[in-house]
Amino acid sequence: MIWVLSQCWEEGLTCRACGLPIPLAADMLYGKHLECARGAAQGKRSAAGEAEDVLEVARERLAARGRIVLTSRQLRSLIALSGVNPVRRPDKTRPPCGWYSRMTGWSLERVEAGLSAAEVAGLWLDHLDVGRQPPLRHADLEAVLGAIGSVTTA
């Protein structure tokens, strides 16, 4: 049986999380009360570390010097904290051959030359807006963290 956001039209159906009955015509998500489903989702976010300070998490991942993995929510939070105006698809007017990581509007030459914090924010947002995780490079994360540092000290 597939459970999705729906209404309960079955008499005697019980919540998979708390075991209490779901009232007839009440909204439910995956066979749970909406409140129970929200609580489970919040618990998963906390277990994944999203409840932690996003700035501290980013600094720890950068210091580890390995592959950096951050969630889309953490990336958006870092962009908001940086206070920069994101540069979106600066190379869109170039011929279609110029792209980076299959993202049109970003030339490989621009990215290899190094990006400012505003360009990094735009590149990340362009990826997130189409439902893809952007490539996270150490230099890019350092640029965004530098912009956050300049905002907090000012």
C-alpha atoms as a PDB file:
ATOM      1  CA  MET A   1       0.000   0.000   0.000  1.00  0.00           C
ATOM      2  CA  ILE A   2       1.395   3.411  -0.973  1.00  0.00           C
ATOM      3  CA  TRP A   3       0.904   6.252   1.499  1.00  0.00           C
ATOM      4  CA  VAL A   4       0.926   9.889   0.423  1.00  0.00           C
ATOM      5  CA  LEU A   5      -0.640  13.171   1.518  1.00  0.00           C
ATOM      6  CA  SER A   6      -4.331  12.390   1.428  1.00  0.00           C
ATOM      7  CA  GLN A   7      -7.520  12.345   3.408  1.00  0.00           C
ATOM      8  CA  CYS A   8      -8.690   9.451   5.479  1.00  0.00           C
ATOM      9  CA  TRP A   9     -11.760   7.851   3.905  1.00  0.00           C
ATOM     10  CA  GLU A  10     -11.430   4.530   5.656  1.00  0.00           C
ATOM     11  CA  GLU A  11     -13.253   3.866   8.915  1.00  0.00           C
ATOM     12  CA  GLY A  12     -11.037   2.637  11.773  1.00  0.00           C
ATOM     13  CA  LEU A  13      -7.675   3.600  10.236  1.00  0.00           C
ATOM     14  CA  THR A  14      -4.979   4.218  12.854  1.00  0.00           C
ATOM     15  CA  CYS A  15      -1.852   6.351  12.746  1.00  0.00           C
ATOM     16  CA  ARG A  16       1.309   4.374  12.001  1.00  0.00           C
ATOM     17  CA  ALA A  17       3.289   6.552  14.449  1.00  0.00           C
ATOM     18  CA  CYS A  18       1.118   6.967  17.542  1.00  0.00           C
ATOM     19  CA  GLY A  19      -1.519   4.263  17.028  1.00  0.00           C
ATOM     20  CA  LEU A  20      -4.465   6.599  17.623  1.00  0.00           C
ATOM     21  CA  PRO A  21      -7.398   6.554  15.195  1.00  0.00           C
ATOM     22  CA  ILE A  22      -7.374   9.015  12.290  1.00  0.00           C
ATOM     23  CA  PRO A  23     -10.749  10.796  12.054  1.00  0.00           C
ATOM     24  CA  LEU A  24     -12.743  10.340   8.889  1.00  0.00           C
ATOM     25  CA  ALA A  25     -11.916  13.039   6.242  1.00  0.00           C
ATOM     26  CA  ALA A  26      -8.845  14.199   8.224  1.00  0.00           C
ATOM     27  CA  ASP A  27      -5.593  14.954   6.381  1.00  0.00           C
ATOM     28  CA  MET A  28      -2.837  12.389   6.768  1.00  0.00           C
ATOM     29  CA  LEU A  29       0.653  11.878   5.394  1.00  0.00           C
ATOM     30  CA  TYR A  30       1.983   8.382   4.733  1.00  0.00           C
ATOM     31  CA  GLY A  31      -0.667   6.925   7.021  1.00  0.00           C
ATOM     32  CA  LYS A  32       0.168   9.249   9.927  1.00  0.00           C
ATOM     33  CA  HIS A  33      -1.468  12.285  11.505  1.00  0.00           C
ATOM     34  CA  LEU A  34       0.133  15.425  10.070  1.00  0.00           C
ATOM     35  CA  GLU A  35       1.504  16.307  13.511  1.00  0.00           C
ATOM     36  CA  CYS A  36       3.075  12.859  13.852  1.00  0.00           C
ATOM     37  CA  ALA A  37       4.614  13.101  10.374  1.00  0.00           C
ATOM     38  CA  ARG A  38       6.035  16.563  11.160  1.00  0.00           C
ATOM     39  CA  GLY A  39       7.544  15.267  14.392  1.00  0.00           C
ATOM     40  CA  ALA A  40       9.187  12.350  12.581  1.00  0.00           C
ATOM     41  CA  ALA A  41      10.610  14.671   9.907  1.00  0.00           C
ATOM     42  CA  GLN A  42      11.979  17.047  12.557  1.00  0.00           C
ATOM     43  CA  GLY A  43      13.601  14.112  14.330  1.00  0.00           C
ATOM     44  CA  LYS A  44      15.318  13.048  11.092  1.00  0.00           C
ATOM     45  CA  ARG A  45      16.598  16.591  10.511  1.00  0.00           C
ATOM     46  CA  SER A  46      18.013  16.728  14.034  1.00  0.00           C
ATOM     47  CA  ALA A  47      19.681  13.351  13.597  1.00  0.00           C
ATOM     48  CA  ALA A  48      21.218  14.531  10.303  1.00  0.00           C
ATOM     49  CA  GLY A  49      22.797  17.516  12.051  1.00  0.00           C
ATOM     50  CA  GLU A  50      20.636  20.214  10.477  1.00  0.00           C
ATOM     51  CA  ALA A  51      19.594  21.489  13.891  1.00  0.00           C
ATOM     52  CA  GLU A  52      23.233  22.369  14.576  1.00  0.00           C
ATOM     53  CA  ASP A  53      24.779  25.728  13.825  1.00  0.00           C
ATOM     54  CA  VAL A  54      25.219  25.717  10.052  1.00  0.00           C
ATOM     55  CA  LEU A  55      28.272  27.967  10.245  1.00  0.00           C
ATOM     56  CA  GLU A  56      30.031  25.616  12.652  1.00  0.00           C
ATOM     57  CA  VAL A  57      29.148  22.582  10.518  1.00  0.00           C
ATOM     58  CA  ALA A  58      30.562  24.267   7.406  1.00  0.00           C
ATOM     59  CA  ARG A  59      33.796  25.193   9.186  1.00  0.00           C
ATOM     60  CA  GLU A  60      34.221  21.634  10.466  1.00  0.00           C
ATOM     61  CA  ARG A  61      33.669  20.140   7.006  1.00  0.00           C
ATOM     62  CA  LEU A  62      36.124  22.614   5.484  1.00  0.00           C
ATOM     63  CA  ALA A  63      38.757  21.828   8.115  1.00  0.00           C
ATOM     64  CA  ALA A  64      38.419  18.095   7.436  1.00  0.00           C
ATOM     65  CA  ARG A  65      39.960  18.723   3.961  1.00  0.00           C
ATOM     66  CA  GLY A  66      38.018  15.865   2.400  1.00  0.00           C
ATOM     67  CA  ARG A  67      34.939  15.876   0.217  1.00  0.00           C
ATOM     68  CA  ILE A  68      32.446  18.461   1.442  1.00  0.00           C
ATOM     69  CA  VAL A  69      28.807  17.454   1.698  1.00  0.00           C
ATOM     70  CA  LEU A  70      26.155  19.925   2.873  1.00  0.00           C
ATOM     71  CA  THR A  71      22.399  19.748   2.505  1.00  0.00           C
ATOM     72  CA  SER A  72      20.513  22.176   0.304  1.00  0.00           C
ATOM     73  CA  ARG A  73      19.005  23.751   3.426  1.00  0.00           C
ATOM     74  CA  GLN A  74      22.489  24.305   4.870  1.00  0.00           C
ATOM     75  CA  LEU A  75      23.710  25.845   1.596  1.00  0.00           C
ATOM     76  CA  ARG A  76      20.763  28.240   1.458  1.00  0.00           C
ATOM     77  CA  SER A  77      21.407  29.211   5.093  1.00  0.00           C
ATOM     78  CA  LEU A  78      25.059  29.947   4.345  1.00  0.00           C
ATOM     79  CA  ILE A  79      24.069  32.120   1.382  1.00  0.00           C
ATOM     80  CA  ALA A  80      21.582  34.028   3.541  1.00  0.00           C
ATOM     81  CA  LEU A  81      24.212  34.534   6.268  1.00  0.00           C
ATOM     82  CA  SER A  82      26.775  35.815   3.762  1.00  0.00           C
ATOM     83  CA  GLY A  83      24.585  38.788   2.852  1.00  0.00           C
ATOM     84  CA  VAL A  84      25.853  38.830  -0.757  1.00  0.00           C
ATOM     85  CA  ASN A  85      23.734  39.525  -3.815  1.00  0.00           C
ATOM     86  CA  PRO A  86      24.063  36.252  -5.819  1.00  0.00           C
ATOM     87  CA  VAL A  87      25.316  36.511  -9.407  1.00  0.00           C
ATOM     88  CA  ARG A  88      23.047  34.264 -11.460  1.00  0.00           C
ATOM     89  CA  ARG A  89      24.249  32.671 -14.745  1.00  0.00           C
ATOM     90  CA  PRO A  90      26.797  35.328 -15.749  1.00  0.00           C
ATOM     91  CA  ASP A  91      27.778  33.530 -18.965  1.00  0.00           C
ATOM     92  CA  LYS A  92      24.269  32.956 -20.263  1.00  0.00           C
ATOM     93  CA  THR A  93      24.855  35.229 -23.278  1.00  0.00           C
ATOM     94  CA  ARG A  94      27.866  33.164 -24.403  1.00  0.00           C
ATOM     95  CA  PRO A  95      27.494  30.407 -26.987  1.00  0.00           C
ATOM     96  CA  PRO A  96      25.954  27.202 -25.589  1.00  0.00           C
ATOM     97  CA  CYS A  97      29.320  25.438 -25.498  1.00  0.00           C
ATOM     98  CA  GLY A  98      30.383  27.278 -22.310  1.00  0.00           C
ATOM     99  CA  TRP A  99      29.103  25.511 -19.196  1.00  0.00           C
ATOM    100  CA  TYR A 100      30.292  24.097 -15.926  1.00  0.00           C
ATOM    101  CA  SER A 101      28.951  20.906 -14.313  1.00  0.00           C
ATOM    102  CA  ARG A 102      26.235  20.728 -16.967  1.00  0.00           C
ATOM    103  CA  MET A 103      24.815  24.040 -15.721  1.00  0.00           C
ATOM    104  CA  THR A 104      24.229  26.420 -18.599  1.00  0.00           C
ATOM    105  CA  GLY A 105      25.243  29.993 -17.915  1.00  0.00           C
ATOM    106  CA  TRP A 106      28.504  29.082 -16.170  1.00  0.00           C
ATOM    107  CA  SER A 107      31.678  28.774 -18.198  1.00  0.00           C
ATOM    108  CA  LEU A 108      34.424  26.429 -17.129  1.00  0.00           C
ATOM    109  CA  GLU A 109      36.995  29.230 -17.580  1.00  0.00           C
ATOM    110  CA  ARG A 110      35.158  31.466 -15.081  1.00  0.00           C
ATOM    111  CA  VAL A 111      34.905  28.739 -12.462  1.00  0.00           C
ATOM    112  CA  GLU A 112      38.537  27.625 -12.857  1.00  0.00           C
ATOM    113  CA  ALA A 113      39.709  31.254 -12.515  1.00  0.00           C
ATOM    114  CA  GLY A 114      38.071  31.409  -9.085  1.00  0.00           C
ATOM    115  CA  LEU A 115      34.710  32.767  -7.992  1.00  0.00           C
ATOM    116  CA  SER A 116      33.796  35.572  -5.648  1.00  0.00           C
ATOM    117  CA  ALA A 117      31.365  34.895  -2.807  1.00  0.00           C
ATOM    118  CA  ALA A 118      28.516  36.417  -4.855  1.00  0.00           C
ATOM    119  CA  GLU A 119      29.328  34.167  -7.816  1.00  0.00           C
ATOM    120  CA  VAL A 120      29.553  31.087  -5.578  1.00  0.00           C
ATOM    121  CA  ALA A 121      26.156  31.922  -4.090  1.00  0.00           C
ATOM    122  CA  GLY A 122      24.681  32.284  -7.570  1.00  0.00           C
ATOM    123  CA  LEU A 123      26.232  29.023  -8.787  1.00  0.00           C
ATOM    124  CA  TRP A 124      24.881  27.131  -5.775  1.00  0.00           C
ATOM    125  CA  LEU A 125      21.417  28.664  -6.143  1.00  0.00           C
ATOM    126  CA  ASP A 126      21.319  27.922  -9.875  1.00  0.00           C
ATOM    127  CA  HIS A 127      21.974  24.265  -9.112  1.00  0.00           C
ATOM    128  CA  LEU A 128      19.509  24.118  -6.214  1.00  0.00           C
ATOM    129  CA  ASP A 129      16.759  25.798  -8.244  1.00  0.00           C
ATOM    130  CA  VAL A 130      16.805  22.971 -10.791  1.00  0.00           C
ATOM    131  CA  GLY A 131      16.867  20.317  -8.061  1.00  0.00           C
ATOM    132  CA  ARG A 132      20.558  19.388  -8.223  1.00  0.00           C
ATOM    133  CA  GLN A 133      23.242  19.459  -5.595  1.00  0.00           C
ATOM    134  CA  PRO A 134      26.053  21.850  -6.608  1.00  0.00           C
ATOM    135  CA  PRO A 135      29.689  20.762  -6.635  1.00  0.00           C
ATOM    136  CA  LEU A 136      31.224  22.042  -3.397  1.00  0.00           C
ATOM    137  CA  ARG A 137      34.829  23.129  -3.708  1.00  0.00           C
ATOM    138  CA  HIS A 138      36.994  24.179  -0.773  1.00  0.00           C
ATOM    139  CA  ALA A 139      37.834  27.564  -2.321  1.00  0.00           C
ATOM    140  CA  ASP A 140      34.145  28.296  -2.910  1.00  0.00           C
ATOM    141  CA  LEU A 141      33.161  27.461   0.659  1.00  0.00           C
ATOM    142  CA  GLU A 142      36.079  29.558   1.947  1.00  0.00           C
ATOM    143  CA  ALA A 143      34.831  32.534  -0.123  1.00  0.00           C
ATOM    144  CA  VAL A 144      31.330  32.253   1.341  1.00  0.00           C
ATOM    145  CA  LEU A 145      32.644  31.821   4.888  1.00  0.00           C
ATOM    146  CA  GLY A 146      34.888  34.863   4.334  1.00  0.00           C
ATOM    147  CA  ALA A 147      31.856  36.903   3.310  1.00  0.00           C
ATOM    148  CA  ILE A 148      30.014  35.724   6.415  1.00  0.00           C
ATOM    149  CA  GLY A 149      33.011  36.722   8.538  1.00  0.00           C
ATOM    150  CA  SER A 150      33.069  40.211   7.031  1.00  0.00           C
ATOM    151  CA  VAL A 151      29.330  40.631   7.679  1.00  0.00           C
ATOM    152  CA  THR A 152      29.605  39.556  11.326  1.00  0.00           C
ATOM    153  CA  THR A 153      32.636  41.779  12.048  1.00  0.00           C
ATOM    154  CA  ALA A 154      31.124  44.858  10.390  1.00  0.00           C
END
